[in-house]
Amino acid sequence: MLKSIRNIAVIALAAGLMWHCGGERVTQSQTETTGPPLGKLTASDSASQAVAMVNLTRDGAPVSGAIVEFSRSIAGRSASYQWSGITDAMGRARVEIASANVTGYYRARALQDRRPAGLGGSISRIGSWSSIPINSGYEVMLNLPIGGKARVTASSKIMSEIPIGLVVSLTGSLTSTGIPINNGFELAREEVNRSSLLNGPRIRFIIEDDQSTAEGAIAAFNKLIDQNVSVVLGPFTSTMAAAIFPIAQEHRVVAISPTSNAPGLSAIGDFVFRTSLPVDRLLPNGIATTQQALGYRRVATIHDKDDVFSQGSDAAFKKAFRDNGVEVLISETFQTGDTDFSAQLTRIKAANPDAISISALPTEIPEIMIQGRQLGIPFEIPFICPTLVMGEVQRAGDAAEGAITIALWSEKADTPGNRAFIDNYRAKFDGEPDAFTAQAYTAVHLLGKAIADAQSTEASAIRDALSAIRDVPTVLGNFSFDDGGDGIHNAITLTVKNGKFEVFDP
């Protein structure tokens, strides 16, 4: 597995010792601040590029706006500074070095423009260094203190690609949800790769189809582990996550599920994360808001007894109802894959509730709504569903009218980048994103930030960087991970009016 940031040993040599590299001998200029060679060089000169990540300081403080230049140090030749970069506010600069034979020792100098705006003058040299070892195909972290000696602090292989695993539902019963999730992953990947966030490397997805089953998710995850990925994005359902999170923890591979909501799953270990809110955090405010507005006092619940998310959602609904003084008249169950809910809905209708909560997967929710209305459950009795998305509303048709959802995202939300996200999705996929798409999109951007913050693709470093994420602006709102690896951001209560989602405002 490619890993970034490998420490290299600093070897002190006696003064005047010559170091041979690629048939060339390094000499030290009397006019530059010199020091001993800073590290062993690799033997291979096959790569044609190296990167110097410079930290320029004066008396320990960063020097911004300086030009940092590099020249190959070759005996008998004058310095020819061909590669350069400009330091930012933190005194950092990225300098790419490309030639037919990169490996060797280098000189560096720092220049600063001291000319007043619009006046003549010159650019002054403020520092110079020599005996800097740079290896082809590597990125070096380099401290350049003005008046001091250059020091290499770390070295890592330059990576053109960062492989990231995806476990997505591309076939089977969850395909209609899996494809928009995959689209969200892909849109964010392209944006991260176009940005300067990763300083060159590009994220590459290795996609495995979970076939919409927990067994398929396990097989897909194991395939990705065999390909030595550090991070896997997915899966969709909590049942799948409950199956693969222990595997991720055992193998110390970071797993980020953007959509699983069942309580407690992130507690499986410190390598697992979720960008979605668990239902015990998602539902309480929405139930309090809707109960106060609509005044329902007696409710019925129905849930999938085989599905981990549905079990957790039903339990969270019941607790939220109790906390708001609402009586649960009747609780019905069904099994994953059932298509006939008439018996359960007939009993619910007879109980005469004021509202009905549905805890189920996207495959069952629309059919429950349709059959409920066909059996005569009036529209005055709303269906309440967590994380309902537009695809389910469209499949339910008129039966979804008046349905209420406590959602994680809305196209109407005034969150950072939300308008651009929607426009870019429409342009690329000729369709509309939903909450699951937004959650997947957010997961990739958070992962990109974590890799950049960690300066590593090693799983434990990414884990630590993800754990440190606090108040990052996203299309879901300001986002943080809690101490257990679950997302923290605002939810929004929506209702279906004329086949569209509207912010709940009775």
Protein backbone atom coordinates (compact mmCIF):
# COMPACT_ATOMS: atom_id res chain seq x y z
CA MET A 1 0.00 0.00 0.00
CA LEU A 2 1.34 3.38 -0.90
CA LYS A 3 2.07 5.37 2.19
CA SER A 4 3.05 8.99 2.45
CA ILE A 5 5.42 10.64 4.82
CA ARG A 6 8.24 8.22 5.49
CA ASN A 7 11.00 9.59 7.71
CA ILE A 8 14.48 9.51 6.23
CA ALA A 9 17.65 9.28 8.31
CA VAL A 10 19.86 12.34 8.51
CA ILE A 11 23.50 11.25 8.26
CA ALA A 12 26.20 13.64 9.40
CA LEU A 13 29.40 13.46 7.34
CA ALA A 14 32.83 14.79 8.13
CA ALA A 15 33.67 18.21 6.71
CA GLY A 16 34.94 18.07 3.16
CA LEU A 17 33.72 14.48 2.50
CA MET A 18 32.66 13.93 -1.11
CA TRP A 19 29.37 12.10 -1.84
CA HIS A 20 29.01 10.40 -5.21
CA CYS A 21 25.56 10.26 -6.80
CA GLY A 22 24.80 9.26 -10.39
CA GLY A 23 28.44 9.71 -11.33
CA GLU A 24 28.51 13.33 -10.10
CA ARG A 25 30.30 14.77 -7.14
CA VAL A 26 28.71 17.37 -4.92
CA THR A 27 30.79 20.39 -3.98
CA GLN A 28 29.92 23.17 -1.59
CA SER A 29 29.87 26.80 -2.58
CA GLN A 30 31.74 29.21 -0.34
CA THR A 31 29.11 31.86 -0.91
CA GLU A 32 26.21 29.80 0.38
CA THR A 33 25.14 28.61 3.82
CA THR A 34 26.33 25.03 3.79
CA GLY A 35 25.89 21.93 5.89
CA PRO A 36 26.45 18.21 5.78
CA PRO A 37 24.58 16.07 3.29
CA LEU A 38 21.04 15.55 4.57
CA GLY A 39 20.19 11.99 3.66
CA LYS A 40 20.85 8.96 1.54
CA LEU A 41 19.64 9.07 -2.02
CA THR A 42 17.85 6.30 -3.82
CA ALA A 43 19.78 4.52 -6.52
CA SER A 44 17.11 4.79 -9.19
CA ASP A 45 17.00 7.72 -11.58
CA SER A 46 14.10 6.37 -13.59
CA ALA A 47 11.55 8.93 -12.44
CA SER A 48 11.56 12.31 -14.14
CA GLN A 49 10.01 14.41 -11.39
CA ALA A 50 10.46 15.32 -7.75
CA VAL A 51 8.66 17.77 -5.47
CA ALA A 52 10.14 19.97 -2.74
CA MET A 53 7.63 21.13 -0.11
CA VAL A 54 9.46 24.14 1.33
CA ASN A 55 8.99 25.75 4.73
CA LEU A 56 10.84 29.10 4.63
CA THR A 57 11.46 30.84 7.97
CA ARG A 58 13.42 33.70 9.51
CA ASP A 59 14.08 33.42 13.25
CA GLY A 60 11.35 30.79 13.43
CA ALA A 61 8.69 32.96 11.74
CA PRO A 62 7.28 32.15 8.28
CA VAL A 63 8.46 34.27 5.35
CA SER A 64 5.66 34.92 2.87
CA GLY A 65 5.82 36.20 -0.68
CA ALA A 66 9.36 35.00 -1.29
CA ILE A 67 10.58 33.29 -4.46
CA VAL A 68 12.29 29.98 -3.70
CA GLU A 69 14.47 28.63 -6.53
CA PHE A 70 16.33 25.35 -6.99
CA SER A 71 19.37 24.48 -9.10
CA ARG A 72 21.09 21.16 -9.63
CA SER A 73 24.48 21.20 -7.87
CA ILE A 74 27.05 19.85 -10.33
CA ALA A 75 30.80 20.12 -9.88
CA GLY A 76 32.41 22.58 -12.26
CA ARG A 77 29.14 24.16 -13.34
CA SER A 78 27.59 27.41 -12.22
CA ALA A 79 24.18 27.30 -10.63
CA SER A 80 21.23 27.45 -13.04
CA TYR A 81 18.05 28.02 -11.06
CA GLN A 82 15.37 26.41 -13.21
CA TRP A 83 12.63 25.51 -10.75
CA SER A 84 10.79 27.88 -8.44
CA GLY A 85 7.76 28.57 -6.26
CA ILE A 86 6.38 31.44 -4.17
CA THR A 87 5.77 31.08 -0.44
CA ASP A 88 2.27 31.55 0.93
CA ALA A 89 1.21 33.28 4.16
CA MET A 90 2.54 30.32 6.15
CA GLY A 91 5.94 30.48 4.44
CA ARG A 92 5.25 27.33 2.40
CA ALA A 93 5.94 26.73 -1.28
CA ARG A 94 5.61 23.74 -3.57
CA VAL A 95 8.39 23.40 -6.13
CA GLU A 96 8.19 20.79 -8.87
CA ILE A 97 11.52 19.64 -10.27
CA ALA A 98 11.45 17.86 -13.63
CA SER A 99 14.34 16.80 -15.83
CA ALA A 100 15.80 13.73 -17.50
CA ASN A 101 17.94 12.97 -14.45
CA VAL A 102 16.40 14.34 -11.26
CA THR A 103 18.25 12.50 -8.51
CA GLY A 104 21.16 14.41 -7.01
CA TYR A 105 22.14 17.26 -4.74
CA TYR A 106 20.65 20.73 -5.17
CA ARG A 107 21.22 24.33 -4.25
CA ALA A 108 18.35 26.59 -3.23
CA ARG A 109 18.01 30.31 -2.81
CA ALA A 110 15.24 32.60 -1.59
CA LEU A 111 14.61 35.98 -3.22
CA GLN A 112 12.36 38.82 -2.14
CA ASP A 113 11.14 41.76 -4.15
CA ARG A 114 11.91 44.84 -2.08
CA ARG A 115 10.91 47.32 -4.78
CA PRO A 116 8.15 49.79 -3.84
CA ALA A 117 5.17 49.55 -6.15
CA GLY A 118 5.83 51.37 -9.44
CA LEU A 119 9.46 52.20 -8.58
CA GLY A 120 12.76 50.81 -9.75
CA GLY A 121 15.06 48.62 -7.73
CA SER A 122 16.09 45.01 -7.55
CA ILE A 123 15.08 41.67 -6.18
CA SER A 124 17.32 40.74 -3.26
CA ARG A 125 18.59 37.34 -2.21
CA ILE A 126 17.62 36.72 1.40
CA GLY A 127 18.95 33.19 1.85
CA SER A 128 20.82 30.36 0.16
CA TRP A 129 21.51 26.70 0.88
CA SER A 130 23.39 23.79 -0.64
CA SER A 131 23.83 20.01 -0.30
CA ILE A 132 20.09 19.33 -0.49
CA PRO A 133 19.44 15.70 -1.51
CA ILE A 134 16.46 15.20 -3.80
CA ASN A 135 15.35 11.84 -5.15
CA SER A 136 13.55 11.21 -8.40
CA GLY A 137 9.96 10.14 -7.82
CA TYR A 138 9.89 11.50 -4.27
CA GLU A 139 8.42 14.46 -2.41
CA VAL A 140 10.63 15.96 0.30
CA MET A 141 9.53 18.12 3.20
CA LEU A 142 12.26 20.76 3.47
CA ASN A 143 12.92 23.38 6.13
CA LEU A 144 14.90 26.38 4.84
CA PRO A 145 15.76 28.73 7.75
CA ILE A 146 17.33 31.97 6.57
CA GLY A 147 20.85 32.07 7.98
CA GLY A 148 20.70 28.39 8.93
CA LYS A 149 21.19 25.01 7.36
CA ALA A 150 18.64 23.26 5.16
CA ARG A 151 17.00 20.22 6.70
CA VAL A 152 14.93 17.46 5.14
CA THR A 153 12.24 16.43 7.64
CA ALA A 154 10.45 13.74 5.66
CA SER A 155 10.31 12.05 2.28
CA SER A 156 7.55 10.14 0.53
CA LYS A 157 6.86 8.59 -2.85
CA ILE A 158 5.07 10.85 -5.31
CA MET A 159 1.75 9.25 -6.14
CA SER A 160 -0.11 9.94 -9.31
CA GLU A 161 -3.20 8.18 -7.95
CA ILE A 162 -4.73 7.46 -4.57
CA PRO A 163 -6.85 4.29 -4.78
CA ILE A 164 -10.10 4.50 -2.81
CA GLY A 165 -12.55 1.60 -2.62
CA LEU A 166 -16.28 1.98 -3.20
CA VAL A 167 -18.94 -0.50 -2.08
CA VAL A 168 -22.12 0.49 -3.93
CA SER A 169 -25.41 -1.11 -4.97
CA LEU A 170 -25.20 -1.22 -8.75
CA THR A 171 -27.43 -4.29 -9.19
CA GLY A 172 -30.28 -5.76 -7.20
CA SER A 173 -33.18 -4.21 -5.36
CA LEU A 174 -31.34 -1.06 -4.22
CA THR A 175 -30.03 -0.02 -7.64
CA SER A 176 -32.33 3.01 -7.84
CA THR A 177 -30.65 4.34 -4.70
CA GLY A 178 -27.15 3.03 -5.36
CA ILE A 179 -26.71 4.80 -8.69
CA PRO A 180 -27.38 8.33 -7.33
CA ILE A 181 -25.01 7.57 -4.45
CA ASN A 182 -22.32 6.52 -6.92
CA ASN A 183 -22.98 9.71 -8.90
CA GLY A 184 -22.40 11.77 -5.76
CA PHE A 185 -19.10 9.99 -5.15
CA GLU A 186 -17.98 10.60 -8.73
CA LEU A 187 -18.94 14.29 -8.85
CA ALA A 188 -16.99 14.99 -5.67
CA ARG A 189 -13.99 12.95 -6.87
CA GLU A 190 -13.75 15.07 -10.01
CA GLU A 191 -13.95 18.27 -7.97
CA VAL A 192 -11.27 17.19 -5.50
CA ASN A 193 -8.99 16.11 -8.36
CA ARG A 194 -9.42 19.45 -10.15
CA SER A 195 -8.60 21.38 -6.98
CA SER A 196 -5.16 21.95 -5.46
CA LEU A 197 -6.21 20.19 -2.25
CA LEU A 198 -4.03 17.12 -2.75
CA ASN A 199 -1.13 18.91 -4.46
CA GLY A 200 -0.91 16.64 -7.46
CA PRO A 201 -2.12 13.10 -6.65
CA ARG A 202 -5.57 12.20 -7.92
CA ILE A 203 -8.19 10.01 -6.30
CA ARG A 204 -9.02 6.88 -8.26
CA PHE A 205 -12.05 4.75 -7.37
CA ILE A 206 -12.02 0.96 -7.32
CA ILE A 207 -15.71 0.08 -7.47
CA GLU A 208 -17.24 -3.15 -6.20
CA ASP A 209 -20.95 -3.97 -6.48
CA ASP A 210 -22.58 -5.21 -3.26
CA GLN A 211 -25.55 -6.52 -5.28
CA SER A 212 -27.89 -4.91 -2.70
CA THR A 213 -27.20 -7.57 -0.05
CA ALA A 214 -25.14 -7.83 3.13
CA GLU A 215 -23.44 -10.92 1.75
CA GLY A 216 -22.55 -9.01 -1.40
CA ALA A 217 -21.20 -6.12 0.68
CA ILE A 218 -18.90 -8.49 2.61
CA ALA A 219 -17.59 -10.01 -0.61
CA ALA A 220 -17.06 -6.57 -2.16
CA PHE A 221 -15.27 -5.28 0.92
CA ASN A 222 -12.96 -8.28 1.07
CA LYS A 223 -12.05 -7.81 -2.62
CA LEU A 224 -11.03 -4.24 -1.87
CA ILE A 225 -8.95 -5.28 1.13
CA ASP A 226 -7.12 -7.71 -1.14
CA GLN A 227 -6.27 -4.72 -3.38
CA ASN A 228 -4.61 -2.93 -0.45
CA VAL A 229 -6.82 0.14 -0.29
CA SER A 230 -6.58 2.33 2.82
CA VAL A 231 -10.16 3.63 2.65
CA VAL A 232 -13.51 2.22 1.56
CA LEU A 233 -16.56 4.44 0.98
CA GLY A 234 -19.84 2.66 1.62
CA PRO A 235 -22.01 0.74 2.07
CA PHE A 236 -25.55 2.10 1.79
CA THR A 237 -27.61 0.27 4.43
CA SER A 238 -27.05 -0.20 8.15
CA THR A 239 -27.41 -3.96 7.76
CA MET A 240 -24.49 -3.93 5.33
CA ALA A 241 -22.49 -1.60 7.57
CA ALA A 242 -23.06 -3.86 10.58
CA ALA A 243 -21.59 -6.71 8.49
CA ILE A 244 -18.48 -4.96 7.12
CA PHE A 245 -17.53 -2.50 9.86
CA PRO A 246 -16.03 -5.27 12.03
CA ILE A 247 -13.98 -6.42 9.03
CA ALA A 248 -12.73 -2.86 8.47
CA GLN A 249 -11.76 -2.58 12.10
CA GLU A 250 -9.99 -5.94 12.12
CA HIS A 251 -7.94 -5.06 9.04
CA ARG A 252 -7.43 -1.43 10.10
CA VAL A 253 -8.98 -0.07 6.93
CA VAL A 254 -10.98 3.16 7.16
CA ALA A 255 -14.65 2.63 6.24
CA ILE A 256 -16.92 5.65 5.70
CA SER A 257 -20.61 4.92 5.21
CA PRO A 258 -22.36 8.05 3.95
CA THR A 259 -25.92 6.80 4.47
CA SER A 260 -26.27 4.21 7.27
CA ASN A 261 -28.33 5.55 10.18
CA ALA A 262 -28.79 2.80 12.77
CA PRO A 263 -27.60 3.79 16.25
CA GLY A 264 -24.35 2.46 17.62
CA LEU A 265 -22.63 1.24 14.45
CA SER A 266 -19.69 3.63 14.68
CA ALA A 267 -18.96 2.27 18.16
CA ILE A 268 -17.68 -0.89 16.45
CA GLY A 269 -14.27 0.72 16.21
CA ASP A 270 -12.13 3.77 15.55
CA PHE A 271 -11.62 3.03 11.85
CA VAL A 272 -15.32 3.39 10.98
CA PHE A 273 -17.17 6.65 10.28
CA ARG A 274 -20.56 7.83 9.05
CA THR A 275 -21.49 11.14 7.48
CA SER A 276 -25.17 10.45 8.14
CA LEU A 277 -26.85 11.22 11.46
CA PRO A 278 -27.92 8.16 13.47
CA VAL A 279 -31.68 8.06 13.83
CA ASP A 280 -31.61 8.55 17.59
CA ARG A 281 -30.01 11.94 16.89
CA LEU A 282 -31.98 12.67 13.71
CA LEU A 283 -35.60 12.08 14.77
CA PRO A 284 -36.24 13.80 18.14
CA ASN A 285 -36.33 17.43 16.93
CA GLY A 286 -38.43 16.58 13.89
CA ILE A 287 -40.99 14.69 15.98
CA ALA A 288 -41.15 17.51 18.53
CA THR A 289 -41.67 20.07 15.74
CA THR A 290 -44.35 18.14 13.84
CA GLN A 291 -46.22 17.00 16.96
CA GLN A 292 -46.45 20.54 18.27
CA ALA A 293 -47.65 21.83 14.90
CA LEU A 294 -50.08 19.04 14.00
CA GLY A 295 -51.16 18.00 17.47
CA TYR A 296 -51.15 14.23 16.83
CA ARG A 297 -51.61 12.27 20.07
CA ARG A 298 -52.00 8.66 18.92
CA VAL A 299 -49.79 6.95 16.35
CA ALA A 300 -49.07 3.61 14.70
CA THR A 301 -45.66 2.31 13.60
CA ILE A 302 -44.59 -0.21 10.99
CA HIS A 303 -41.07 -1.44 10.38
CA ASP A 304 -38.91 -4.10 8.71
CA LYS A 305 -37.94 -6.54 11.46
CA ASP A 306 -35.01 -7.92 9.41
CA ASP A 307 -33.27 -4.63 8.66
CA VAL A 308 -30.88 -3.04 11.16
CA PHE A 309 -31.73 0.53 10.14
CA SER A 310 -35.48 -0.10 10.34
CA GLN A 311 -35.17 -1.64 13.80
CA GLY A 312 -33.19 1.32 15.07
CA SER A 313 -35.49 3.81 13.39
CA ASP A 314 -38.62 2.25 14.90
CA ALA A 315 -37.07 2.30 18.37
CA ALA A 316 -36.04 5.95 17.92
CA PHE A 317 -39.54 6.87 16.71
CA LYS A 318 -41.15 5.23 19.74
CA LYS A 319 -38.86 6.98 22.17
CA ALA A 320 -39.42 10.36 20.48
CA PHE A 321 -43.18 9.78 20.56
CA ARG A 322 -43.09 8.91 24.27
CA ASP A 323 -40.92 11.92 25.05
CA ASN A 324 -43.54 14.16 23.42
CA GLY A 325 -46.53 12.58 25.17
CA VAL A 326 -47.70 10.62 22.10
CA GLU A 327 -49.29 7.17 22.56
CA VAL A 328 -48.22 4.32 20.26
CA LEU A 329 -51.46 2.44 19.59
CA ILE A 330 -50.10 -0.41 17.47
CA SER A 331 -46.77 -1.59 16.08
CA GLU A 332 -46.63 -3.77 12.98
CA THR A 333 -43.69 -5.55 11.35
CA PHE A 334 -42.83 -7.17 8.03
CA GLN A 335 -39.82 -8.85 6.43
CA THR A 336 -37.35 -7.49 3.90
CA GLY A 337 -38.62 -8.26 0.41
CA ASP A 338 -42.31 -8.42 1.36
CA THR A 339 -44.65 -6.85 -1.19
CA ASP A 340 -48.06 -7.29 0.46
CA PHE A 341 -48.63 -5.11 3.52
CA SER A 342 -52.43 -5.16 3.46
CA ALA A 343 -52.87 -7.19 6.67
CA GLN A 344 -50.67 -4.87 8.72
CA LEU A 345 -52.18 -1.73 7.21
CA THR A 346 -55.72 -2.99 7.78
CA ARG A 347 -54.97 -3.40 11.49
CA ILE A 348 -53.36 0.04 11.59
CA LYS A 349 -56.40 1.60 9.94
CA ALA A 350 -58.70 -0.04 12.48
CA ALA A 351 -56.66 1.48 15.34
CA ASN A 352 -57.48 4.95 13.98
CA PRO A 353 -54.12 6.67 14.60
CA ASP A 354 -53.39 10.35 14.02
CA ALA A 355 -50.10 9.56 12.17
CA ILE A 356 -48.13 6.53 10.97
CA SER A 357 -44.36 6.14 11.10
CA ILE A 358 -42.66 3.93 8.49
CA SER A 359 -39.19 2.51 9.10
CA ALA A 360 -38.11 0.63 6.00
CA LEU A 361 -35.74 0.55 3.04
CA PRO A 362 -36.46 2.53 -0.16
CA THR A 363 -37.79 -0.62 -1.83
CA GLU A 364 -40.68 -1.01 0.62
CA ILE A 365 -41.62 2.55 1.61
CA PRO A 366 -43.46 3.53 -1.61
CA GLU A 367 -45.52 0.32 -1.64
CA ILE A 368 -46.56 0.77 1.99
CA MET A 369 -47.80 4.28 1.20
CA ILE A 370 -49.65 3.14 -1.92
CA GLN A 371 -51.36 0.21 -0.22
CA GLY A 372 -52.24 2.33 2.81
CA ARG A 373 -54.08 4.90 0.72
CA GLN A 374 -55.73 2.17 -1.36
CA LEU A 375 -57.10 0.64 1.84
CA GLY A 376 -58.67 3.95 2.74
CA ILE A 377 -56.26 5.45 5.23
CA PRO A 378 -57.11 9.13 4.75
CA PHE A 379 -54.59 11.77 3.71
CA GLU A 380 -55.30 13.58 6.98
CA ILE A 381 -53.24 10.84 8.61
CA PRO A 382 -49.65 11.58 7.48
CA PHE A 383 -46.94 9.04 6.94
CA ILE A 384 -43.73 10.01 8.76
CA CYS A 385 -40.49 8.55 7.36
CA PRO A 386 -36.85 9.23 8.17
CA THR A 387 -34.61 10.15 5.22
CA LEU A 388 -37.31 9.95 2.55
CA VAL A 389 -35.91 10.91 -0.87
CA MET A 390 -37.53 12.09 -4.08
CA GLY A 391 -37.16 8.75 -5.85
CA GLU A 392 -39.42 7.14 -3.26
CA VAL A 393 -41.90 10.01 -3.52
CA GLN A 394 -42.06 9.60 -7.28
CA ARG A 395 -42.59 5.85 -7.03
CA ALA A 396 -45.37 6.36 -4.47
CA GLY A 397 -47.06 9.01 -6.61
CA ASP A 398 -50.17 10.61 -5.11
CA ALA A 399 -49.92 8.29 -2.09
CA ALA A 400 -46.90 10.26 -0.85
CA GLU A 401 -48.83 13.54 -0.67
CA GLY A 402 -48.58 15.01 2.82
CA ALA A 403 -45.79 12.64 3.89
CA ILE A 404 -43.31 14.06 6.38
CA THR A 405 -39.59 13.31 6.53
CA ILE A 406 -36.79 14.37 8.83
CA ALA A 407 -34.11 14.82 6.22
CA LEU A 408 -30.36 15.32 6.12
CA TRP A 409 -30.31 17.61 3.09
CA SER A 410 -32.60 19.77 1.01
CA GLU A 411 -32.16 21.44 -2.35
CA LYS A 412 -33.65 24.52 -0.70
CA ALA A 413 -31.02 24.65 2.05
CA ASP A 414 -28.74 27.68 2.10
CA THR A 415 -25.62 25.66 2.88
CA PRO A 416 -22.09 26.26 1.54
CA GLY A 417 -21.78 25.20 -2.08
CA ASN A 418 -25.27 23.72 -2.25
CA ARG A 419 -26.39 25.67 -5.32
CA ALA A 420 -23.21 24.79 -7.22
CA PHE A 421 -23.56 21.13 -6.19
CA ILE A 422 -27.10 20.97 -7.59
CA ASP A 423 -26.19 22.79 -10.81
CA ASN A 424 -23.10 20.66 -11.40
CA TYR A 425 -25.02 17.45 -10.76
CA ARG A 426 -27.72 18.45 -13.22
CA ALA A 427 -25.15 19.32 -15.85
CA LYS A 428 -23.22 16.07 -15.47
CA PHE A 429 -26.00 13.54 -14.90
CA ASP A 430 -29.07 15.25 -16.39
CA GLY A 431 -31.06 14.61 -13.23
CA GLU A 432 -31.70 15.80 -9.70
CA PRO A 433 -29.56 14.93 -6.68
CA ASP A 434 -31.20 13.65 -3.50
CA ALA A 435 -30.14 13.51 0.14
CA PHE A 436 -28.25 10.25 -0.35
CA THR A 437 -26.33 11.83 -3.26
CA ALA A 438 -25.46 14.85 -1.10
CA GLN A 439 -24.25 12.62 1.73
CA ALA A 440 -22.00 10.62 -0.62
CA TYR A 441 -20.70 13.84 -2.20
CA THR A 442 -19.89 15.22 1.25
CA ALA A 443 -18.08 12.02 2.28
CA VAL A 444 -15.60 12.33 -0.61
CA HIS A 445 -14.88 15.99 0.12
CA LEU A 446 -14.31 15.19 3.80
CA LEU A 447 -12.01 12.34 2.82
CA GLY A 448 -10.04 14.65 0.52
CA LYS A 449 -9.60 17.10 3.38
CA ALA A 450 -8.49 14.30 5.71
CA ILE A 451 -5.86 13.05 3.24
CA ALA A 452 -4.58 16.60 2.77
CA ASP A 453 -4.50 17.27 6.51
CA ALA A 454 -2.77 13.96 7.21
CA GLN A 455 -0.34 14.38 4.31
CA SER A 456 -0.65 10.63 4.06
CA THR A 457 -2.65 7.83 2.52
CA GLU A 458 -1.95 5.50 5.44
CA ALA A 459 -5.18 4.36 7.08
CA SER A 460 -4.34 5.30 10.66
CA ALA A 461 -3.26 8.80 9.62
CA ILE A 462 -6.49 9.31 7.67
CA ARG A 463 -8.47 7.98 10.64
CA ASP A 464 -6.85 10.54 12.92
CA ALA A 465 -7.47 13.38 10.45
CA LEU A 466 -11.13 12.42 10.03
CA SER A 467 -11.57 12.29 13.80
CA ALA A 468 -10.24 15.85 14.03
CA ILE A 469 -12.74 17.32 11.54
CA ARG A 470 -14.75 20.11 13.15
CA ASP A 471 -17.13 22.67 11.63
CA VAL A 472 -16.17 22.09 8.01
CA PRO A 473 -18.53 23.88 5.57
CA THR A 474 -20.38 21.32 3.40
CA VAL A 475 -23.61 21.05 1.44
CA LEU A 476 -25.05 19.39 4.58
CA GLY A 477 -24.11 22.45 6.63
CA ASN A 478 -21.18 22.86 8.99
CA PHE A 479 -19.95 19.33 9.60
CA SER A 480 -18.08 17.65 12.45
CA PHE A 481 -17.38 14.09 13.49
CA ASP A 482 -18.19 13.30 17.10
CA ASP A 483 -15.90 11.23 19.31
CA GLY A 484 -17.62 8.06 18.10
CA GLY A 485 -17.14 8.73 14.38
CA ASP A 486 -20.72 9.81 13.63
CA GLY A 487 -21.55 12.99 11.73
CA ILE A 488 -22.87 16.11 13.41
CA HIS A 489 -24.78 18.61 11.28
CA ASN A 490 -28.24 20.10 11.07
CA ALA A 491 -31.29 18.15 9.91
CA ILE A 492 -34.35 19.62 8.21
CA THR A 493 -38.02 18.64 8.36
CA LEU A 494 -39.76 18.44 4.99
CA THR A 495 -43.22 17.58 3.74
CA VAL A 496 -44.50 16.51 0.33
CA LYS A 497 -46.77 19.04 -1.40
CA ASN A 498 -47.87 18.57 -5.00
CA GLY A 499 -45.28 15.87 -5.43
CA LYS A 500 -42.38 18.06 -4.28
CA PHE A 501 -40.55 18.55 -1.01
CA GLU A 502 -41.30 21.72 0.88
CA VAL A 503 -39.89 22.86 4.21
CA PHE A 504 -42.38 21.80 6.88
CA ASP A 505 -44.34 24.92 7.75
CA PRO A 506 -47.95 24.14 8.71
